[in-house]
């Protein structure tokens, strides 16, 4: 009898080892995926408050060849069933039951991104949002005023109010949420730059600094020239000289601009024509980056009042009109 009991115990022990080994093997075995046509990954959406058992069912229903009951048992045995986070996930080839649970517990969502480029205007930003992958187009069809109201900035002109950067988001996020982040980022950057302003700056408000920074952004071909370009415009503002900057004229023309700036355009008065109106234009004309913000509030000390493009991206600076005219003849007219 004792020998029989020993045999049973041995068999049970061996069976346990087999089960344990099978489970261990399964945990590290890549899951078989059945993605949608044209895709290599399985998209998984977990809603807030979804219990672990339903998560297991959702994984299987999304396109993973796995027994939900077995997957749920693993969730429970791991002790992490209640730590699974809601979100948008991508299950990629090579994912194992163990790495799947780790991803869900860590909340490692599938993130997409949209890039706002320095010097872009608001129209270009909206176009980028419309093209962004898996981003909910809540702003589509809304007027500019309606968008700014949703951002908590009613009546504020949108140009230049968003910081150029790469913004990541989870699938299904609202484009309004992305705009809010970009607007908050610009508020912080502008506040930080304004705190560093020169004591003798002619700029009176952070908004004026933002306007000037946007002009510097559009005028700069070589990044290292930004501080001196800022110095030129600050010098002009200080003595009441017209800014005479082409990018503001182009912005005032809007969609009428065909890529060729004509003499008549420089003579046609608009609120943004700095050839016909003194001081800064009424709003920014583009999104300035950090360096342009700093160049506006803390420009390089210079006596220059003029600059002209050399043709290689850099600028030639001059402190007198005669010197400037010679630079124009050399670099623009080849004389």
Protein backbone atom coordinates (compact mmCIF):
# COMPACT_ATOMS: atom_id res chain seq x y z
CA UNK A 1 0.00 0.00 0.00
CA UNK A 2 2.79 2.36 0.92
CA UNK A 3 4.50 1.64 -2.39
CA UNK A 4 1.26 2.41 -4.23
CA UNK A 5 0.86 5.75 -2.42
CA UNK A 6 4.44 6.64 -3.19
CA UNK A 7 3.85 5.88 -6.85
CA UNK A 8 0.76 8.09 -6.90
CA UNK A 9 2.64 10.93 -5.24
CA UNK A 10 5.49 10.60 -7.72
CA UNK A 11 3.06 10.63 -10.62
CA UNK A 12 1.30 13.69 -9.21
CA UNK A 13 4.64 15.43 -8.74
CA UNK A 14 5.69 14.62 -12.30
CA UNK A 15 2.33 15.80 -13.61
CA UNK A 16 2.75 19.03 -11.69
CA UNK A 17 6.18 19.50 -13.18
CA UNK A 18 4.75 18.94 -16.64
CA UNK A 19 1.97 21.46 -16.05
CA UNK A 20 4.40 23.95 -14.57
CA UNK A 21 6.77 23.46 -17.48
CA UNK A 22 3.95 23.81 -20.01
CA UNK A 23 2.74 27.02 -18.39
CA UNK A 24 6.29 28.38 -18.26
CA UNK A 25 6.80 27.52 -21.92
CA UNK A 26 3.48 29.17 -22.87
CA UNK A 27 4.30 32.39 -21.03
CA UNK A 28 7.40 32.90 -23.15
CA UNK A 29 5.99 31.63 -26.43
CA UNK A 30 5.12 34.41 -28.95
CA UNK A 31 1.39 34.81 -29.45
CA UNK A 32 -0.06 34.16 -32.89
CA UNK A 33 -1.49 37.37 -34.31
CA UNK A 34 -4.28 37.79 -36.84
CA UNK A 35 -4.01 41.49 -37.75
CA UNK A 36 -6.28 43.34 -40.13
CA UNK A 37 -5.34 43.19 -43.83
CA UNK A 38 -2.47 45.52 -44.61
CA UNK A 39 -1.37 45.70 -40.98
CA UNK A 40 1.38 43.85 -39.12
CA UNK A 41 0.16 44.56 -35.60
CA UNK A 42 -3.04 44.03 -33.65
CA UNK A 43 -4.67 47.16 -32.28
CA UNK A 44 -6.08 46.74 -28.79
CA UNK A 45 -8.41 49.21 -27.06
CA UNK A 46 -9.00 48.82 -23.32
CA UNK A 47 -11.73 51.06 -21.93
CA UNK A 48 -11.48 52.48 -18.40
CA UNK A 49 -12.92 50.14 -15.77
CA UNK A 50 -12.65 47.01 -17.91
CA UNK A 51 -12.26 43.92 -15.65
CA UNK A 52 -9.41 41.50 -16.32
CA UNK A 53 -11.68 38.77 -17.69
CA UNK A 54 -13.12 41.13 -20.28
CA UNK A 55 -9.61 42.33 -21.11
CA UNK A 56 -8.67 38.73 -21.93
CA UNK A 57 -11.77 38.41 -24.13
CA UNK A 58 -10.97 41.71 -25.85
CA UNK A 59 -7.42 40.56 -26.61
CA UNK A 60 -8.74 37.47 -28.32
CA UNK A 61 -11.49 39.37 -30.16
CA UNK A 62 -8.98 41.94 -31.42
CA UNK A 63 -7.03 39.37 -33.39
CA UNK A 64 -4.81 37.34 -31.05
CA UNK A 65 -5.08 33.56 -31.33
CA UNK A 66 -5.26 32.82 -27.61
CA UNK A 67 -7.71 31.06 -25.32
CA UNK A 68 -9.27 33.88 -23.22
CA UNK A 69 -9.77 31.62 -20.22
CA UNK A 70 -6.09 30.70 -20.16
CA UNK A 71 -5.06 34.32 -20.58
CA UNK A 72 -7.38 35.42 -17.78
CA UNK A 73 -5.97 32.68 -15.54
CA UNK A 74 -2.48 34.07 -16.18
CA UNK A 75 -3.67 37.58 -15.30
CA UNK A 76 -5.07 36.27 -12.01
CA UNK A 77 -2.11 34.05 -11.11
CA UNK A 78 0.31 36.92 -11.72
CA UNK A 79 -1.39 38.98 -9.02
CA UNK A 80 -1.55 41.94 -11.41
CA UNK A 81 -5.05 41.52 -12.84
CA UNK A 82 -6.30 44.69 -11.16
CA UNK A 83 -3.30 46.73 -12.29
CA UNK A 84 -4.13 46.55 -16.01
CA UNK A 85 -4.51 50.08 -17.38
CA UNK A 86 -6.92 51.39 -19.94
CA UNK A 87 -5.50 52.72 -23.19
CA UNK A 88 -4.68 52.13 -26.84
CA UNK A 89 -2.09 49.42 -27.43
CA UNK A 90 -0.34 47.72 -30.32
CA UNK A 91 0.41 44.01 -30.00
CA UNK A 92 3.41 43.39 -32.20
CA UNK A 93 4.87 40.13 -33.56
CA UNK A 94 6.94 38.43 -30.89
CA UNK A 95 4.70 39.52 -28.03
CA UNK A 96 4.34 36.77 -25.39
CA UNK A 97 1.65 36.42 -22.71
CA UNK A 98 4.22 37.61 -20.18
CA UNK A 99 5.26 40.71 -22.17
CA UNK A 100 1.61 41.43 -23.02
CA UNK A 101 0.66 41.63 -19.36
CA UNK A 102 3.73 43.75 -18.62
CA UNK A 103 2.71 46.18 -21.36
CA UNK A 104 -0.86 46.43 -20.04
CA UNK A 105 0.24 46.89 -16.44
CA UNK A 106 2.82 49.53 -17.33
CA UNK A 107 0.34 51.34 -19.53
CA UNK A 108 2.73 51.31 -22.48
CA UNK A 109 0.25 52.70 -24.95
CA UNK A 110 0.78 52.85 -28.67
CA UNK A 111 1.75 56.48 -29.21
CA UNK A 112 1.61 58.47 -32.41
CA UNK A 113 3.08 61.90 -32.97
CA UNK A 114 2.50 65.13 -34.84
CA UNK A 115 5.19 67.72 -35.54
CA UNK A 116 4.67 71.48 -35.50
CA UNK A 117 7.57 73.15 -37.29
CA UNK A 118 9.20 76.44 -36.32
CA UNK A 119 7.95 79.18 -38.62
CA UNK A 120 4.66 77.50 -39.48
CA UNK A 121 1.44 79.49 -39.41
CA UNK A 122 -1.84 78.33 -37.88
CA UNK A 123 -3.19 77.18 -41.23
CA UNK A 124 -0.24 74.82 -41.65
CA UNK A 125 -0.75 73.54 -38.10
CA UNK A 126 -4.37 72.64 -38.80
CA UNK A 127 -3.34 70.86 -41.99
CA UNK A 128 -0.83 68.78 -40.00
CA UNK A 129 -3.49 67.86 -37.45
CA UNK A 130 -5.83 66.71 -40.20
CA UNK A 131 -3.13 64.43 -41.60
CA UNK A 132 -2.03 63.07 -38.20
CA UNK A 133 -2.59 59.34 -37.78
CA UNK A 134 -5.33 58.13 -35.43
CA UNK A 135 -6.04 61.62 -34.08
CA UNK A 136 -9.68 62.51 -33.48
CA UNK A 137 -10.47 65.60 -35.62
CA UNK A 138 -12.60 67.49 -33.09
CA UNK A 139 -11.43 70.85 -34.46
CA UNK A 140 -12.54 70.07 -38.01
CA UNK A 141 -15.30 72.40 -39.05
CA UNK A 142 -14.72 74.73 -36.10
CA UNK A 143 -13.90 78.36 -36.72
CA UNK A 144 -10.66 79.82 -35.45
CA UNK A 145 -12.58 81.74 -32.78
CA UNK A 146 -14.36 78.56 -31.64
CA UNK A 147 -11.07 76.67 -31.36
CA UNK A 148 -9.45 79.41 -29.29
CA UNK A 149 -12.51 79.53 -27.03
CA UNK A 150 -12.18 75.79 -26.40
CA UNK A 151 -8.54 76.37 -25.51
CA UNK A 152 -9.54 78.91 -22.88
CA UNK A 153 -8.30 81.84 -24.98
CA UNK A 154 -11.48 83.47 -26.33
CA UNK A 155 -10.81 86.43 -28.59
CA UNK A 156 -7.08 85.66 -28.88
CA UNK A 157 -5.60 85.49 -32.37
CA UNK A 158 -4.19 81.96 -32.84
CA UNK A 159 -1.07 82.85 -34.77
CA UNK A 160 2.13 82.16 -32.86
CA UNK A 161 0.29 80.94 -29.76
CA UNK A 162 1.52 77.35 -30.05
CA UNK A 163 5.03 76.10 -29.40
CA UNK A 164 6.68 74.23 -32.28
CA UNK A 165 7.65 70.75 -31.14
CA UNK A 166 6.87 67.04 -31.55
CA UNK A 167 3.73 66.06 -29.63
CA UNK A 168 2.95 62.42 -28.91
CA UNK A 169 -0.56 61.16 -28.25
CA UNK A 170 -2.48 57.93 -27.79
CA UNK A 171 -4.63 56.65 -30.62
CA UNK A 172 -8.04 58.26 -30.58
CA UNK A 173 -6.90 61.37 -28.73
CA UNK A 174 -8.55 64.68 -29.59
CA UNK A 175 -6.69 67.19 -31.73
CA UNK A 176 -8.02 69.85 -29.36
CA UNK A 177 -6.05 68.16 -26.55
CA UNK A 178 -2.87 68.38 -28.64
CA UNK A 179 -3.51 72.06 -29.31
CA UNK A 180 -4.01 72.67 -25.59
CA UNK A 181 -0.62 71.13 -24.84
CA UNK A 182 1.07 73.20 -27.54
CA UNK A 183 -0.62 76.39 -26.28
CA UNK A 184 0.43 75.71 -22.68
CA UNK A 185 3.97 75.01 -23.86
CA UNK A 186 4.14 78.37 -25.63
CA UNK A 187 2.76 80.15 -22.56
CA UNK A 188 5.53 78.62 -20.45
CA UNK A 189 8.28 79.33 -22.99
CA UNK A 190 7.16 82.93 -23.46
CA UNK A 191 6.98 83.51 -19.71
CA UNK A 192 10.47 82.09 -19.26
CA UNK A 193 11.90 84.20 -22.09
CA UNK A 194 10.23 87.39 -20.86
CA UNK A 195 11.80 86.89 -17.44
CA UNK A 196 15.23 87.05 -19.14
CA UNK A 197 14.54 90.26 -21.10
CA UNK A 198 17.09 93.05 -21.25
CA UNK A 199 16.34 95.90 -18.89
CA UNK A 200 16.42 98.45 -21.74
CA UNK A 201 14.27 96.53 -24.22
CA UNK A 202 11.75 98.68 -26.12
CA UNK A 203 9.26 95.81 -25.88
CA UNK A 204 6.51 96.57 -23.38
CA UNK A 205 4.72 93.23 -23.01
CA UNK A 206 5.28 89.50 -23.51
CA UNK A 207 2.87 89.66 -26.45
CA UNK A 208 5.11 92.18 -28.19
CA UNK A 209 8.04 89.84 -27.61
CA UNK A 210 6.06 87.01 -29.20
CA UNK A 211 5.30 89.16 -32.26
CA UNK A 212 8.94 90.13 -32.69
CA UNK A 213 10.09 86.53 -32.15
CA UNK A 214 7.80 85.38 -34.94
CA UNK A 215 9.37 87.91 -37.32
CA UNK A 216 12.88 86.82 -36.32
CA UNK A 217 11.85 83.20 -36.94
CA UNK A 218 10.71 83.97 -40.48
CA UNK A 219 13.71 86.18 -41.29
CA UNK A 220 16.39 83.76 -40.11
CA UNK A 221 18.14 81.57 -42.63
CA UNK A 222 21.06 80.60 -40.42
CA UNK A 223 20.22 79.84 -36.76
CA UNK A 224 23.31 81.60 -35.40
CA UNK A 225 22.11 84.87 -36.98
CA UNK A 226 18.98 85.04 -34.82
CA UNK A 227 20.43 87.17 -31.99
CA UNK A 228 21.83 89.79 -34.38
CA UNK A 229 18.64 89.87 -36.45
CA UNK A 230 16.84 90.47 -33.18
CA UNK A 231 19.31 93.27 -32.48
CA UNK A 232 18.55 94.94 -35.82
CA UNK A 233 14.81 94.99 -35.19
CA UNK A 234 15.20 96.13 -31.59
CA UNK A 235 17.45 98.97 -32.78
CA UNK A 236 14.82 100.02 -35.31
CA UNK A 237 12.04 99.91 -32.74
CA UNK A 238 14.12 101.97 -30.34
CA UNK A 239 14.61 104.85 -32.81
CA UNK A 240 11.15 104.62 -34.41
CA UNK A 241 12.41 103.29 -37.74
CA UNK A 242 10.14 101.20 -39.94
CA UNK A 243 10.83 97.45 -39.59
CA UNK A 244 10.39 96.90 -43.35
CA UNK A 245 10.35 93.13 -43.17
CA UNK A 246 8.97 91.11 -46.07
CA UNK A 247 7.50 88.20 -44.05
CA UNK A 248 4.97 90.52 -42.39
CA UNK A 249 3.83 91.80 -45.79
CA UNK A 250 3.51 88.23 -47.06
CA UNK A 251 1.47 87.27 -44.01
CA UNK A 252 -0.84 90.23 -44.61
CA UNK A 253 -1.44 89.05 -48.17
CA UNK A 254 -2.62 85.69 -46.87
CA UNK A 255 -3.66 83.15 -49.49
CA UNK A 256 -3.38 85.83 -52.19
CA UNK A 257 0.40 85.52 -52.02
CA UNK A 258 1.58 83.49 -55.02
CA UNK A 259 5.22 83.18 -54.02
CA UNK A 260 6.34 86.36 -55.77
CA UNK A 261 6.50 89.52 -53.65
CA UNK A 262 6.03 92.55 -55.90
CA UNK A 263 6.77 96.23 -55.39
CA UNK A 264 3.05 96.99 -55.35
CA UNK A 265 2.66 94.52 -52.47
CA UNK A 266 5.18 96.51 -50.43
CA UNK A 267 3.19 99.66 -51.15
CA UNK A 268 -0.26 98.23 -50.43
CA UNK A 269 -1.23 99.11 -46.88
CA UNK A 270 -2.43 96.35 -44.54
CA UNK A 271 -2.17 96.02 -40.75
CA UNK A 272 0.83 93.75 -41.37
CA UNK A 273 2.70 95.91 -43.88
CA UNK A 274 5.76 97.10 -41.97
CA UNK A 275 6.79 99.20 -44.97
CA UNK A 276 3.73 101.43 -44.58
CA UNK A 277 3.14 101.20 -40.81
CA UNK A 278 5.46 101.82 -37.92
CA UNK A 279 6.11 99.51 -35.00
CA UNK A 280 5.18 95.86 -34.69
CA UNK A 281 2.30 94.24 -36.57
CA UNK A 282 -0.85 93.50 -34.53
CA UNK A 283 -0.19 89.77 -34.04
CA UNK A 284 2.56 87.19 -34.52
CA UNK A 285 2.95 85.90 -38.07
CA UNK A 286 4.21 82.38 -37.27
CA UNK A 287 5.28 80.00 -34.50
CA UNK A 288 8.64 81.05 -33.07
CA UNK A 289 10.93 78.54 -31.41
CA UNK A 290 12.86 78.94 -28.18
CA UNK A 291 15.91 80.59 -29.80
CA UNK A 292 13.80 83.19 -31.58
CA UNK A 293 11.99 84.02 -28.34
CA UNK A 294 15.34 84.59 -26.66
CA UNK A 295 16.63 86.63 -29.61
CA UNK A 296 13.63 88.95 -29.26
CA UNK A 297 14.05 89.68 -25.56
CA UNK A 298 17.83 89.39 -25.30
CA UNK A 299 19.27 90.25 -28.72
CA UNK A 300 22.94 90.52 -29.54
CA UNK A 301 24.44 93.97 -28.85
CA UNK A 302 24.90 95.48 -32.30
CA UNK A 303 24.81 98.82 -34.09
CA UNK A 304 23.40 97.21 -37.22
CA UNK A 305 20.16 98.56 -38.67
CA UNK A 306 20.12 96.51 -41.86
CA UNK A 307 20.75 92.99 -43.07
CA UNK A 308 20.59 91.20 -46.41
CA UNK A 309 20.75 87.54 -47.34
CA UNK A 310 24.11 86.41 -48.67
CA UNK A 311 22.59 83.55 -50.64
CA UNK A 312 24.00 80.78 -48.47
CA UNK A 313 21.47 81.10 -45.66
CA UNK A 314 23.49 83.62 -43.69
CA UNK A 315 22.99 87.40 -43.51
CA UNK A 316 25.24 90.40 -44.02
CA UNK A 317 24.67 93.08 -41.38
CA UNK A 318 25.23 96.82 -41.87
CA UNK A 319 25.04 99.85 -39.61
CA UNK A 320 24.50 102.46 -42.35
CA UNK A 321 22.34 102.69 -45.47
CA UNK A 322 25.35 103.18 -47.76
CA UNK A 323 26.98 100.05 -46.35
CA UNK A 324 23.72 98.17 -46.74
CA UNK A 325 23.30 99.26 -50.36
CA UNK A 326 26.79 97.99 -51.14
CA UNK A 327 25.90 94.65 -49.52
CA UNK A 328 22.69 94.47 -51.57
CA UNK A 329 24.63 95.13 -54.79
CA UNK A 330 27.16 92.45 -53.89
CA UNK A 331 24.94 89.69 -52.63
CA UNK A 332 21.64 90.31 -54.40
CA UNK A 333 22.63 91.92 -57.69
CA UNK A 334 26.11 90.45 -58.16
CA UNK A 335 27.66 93.86 -58.74
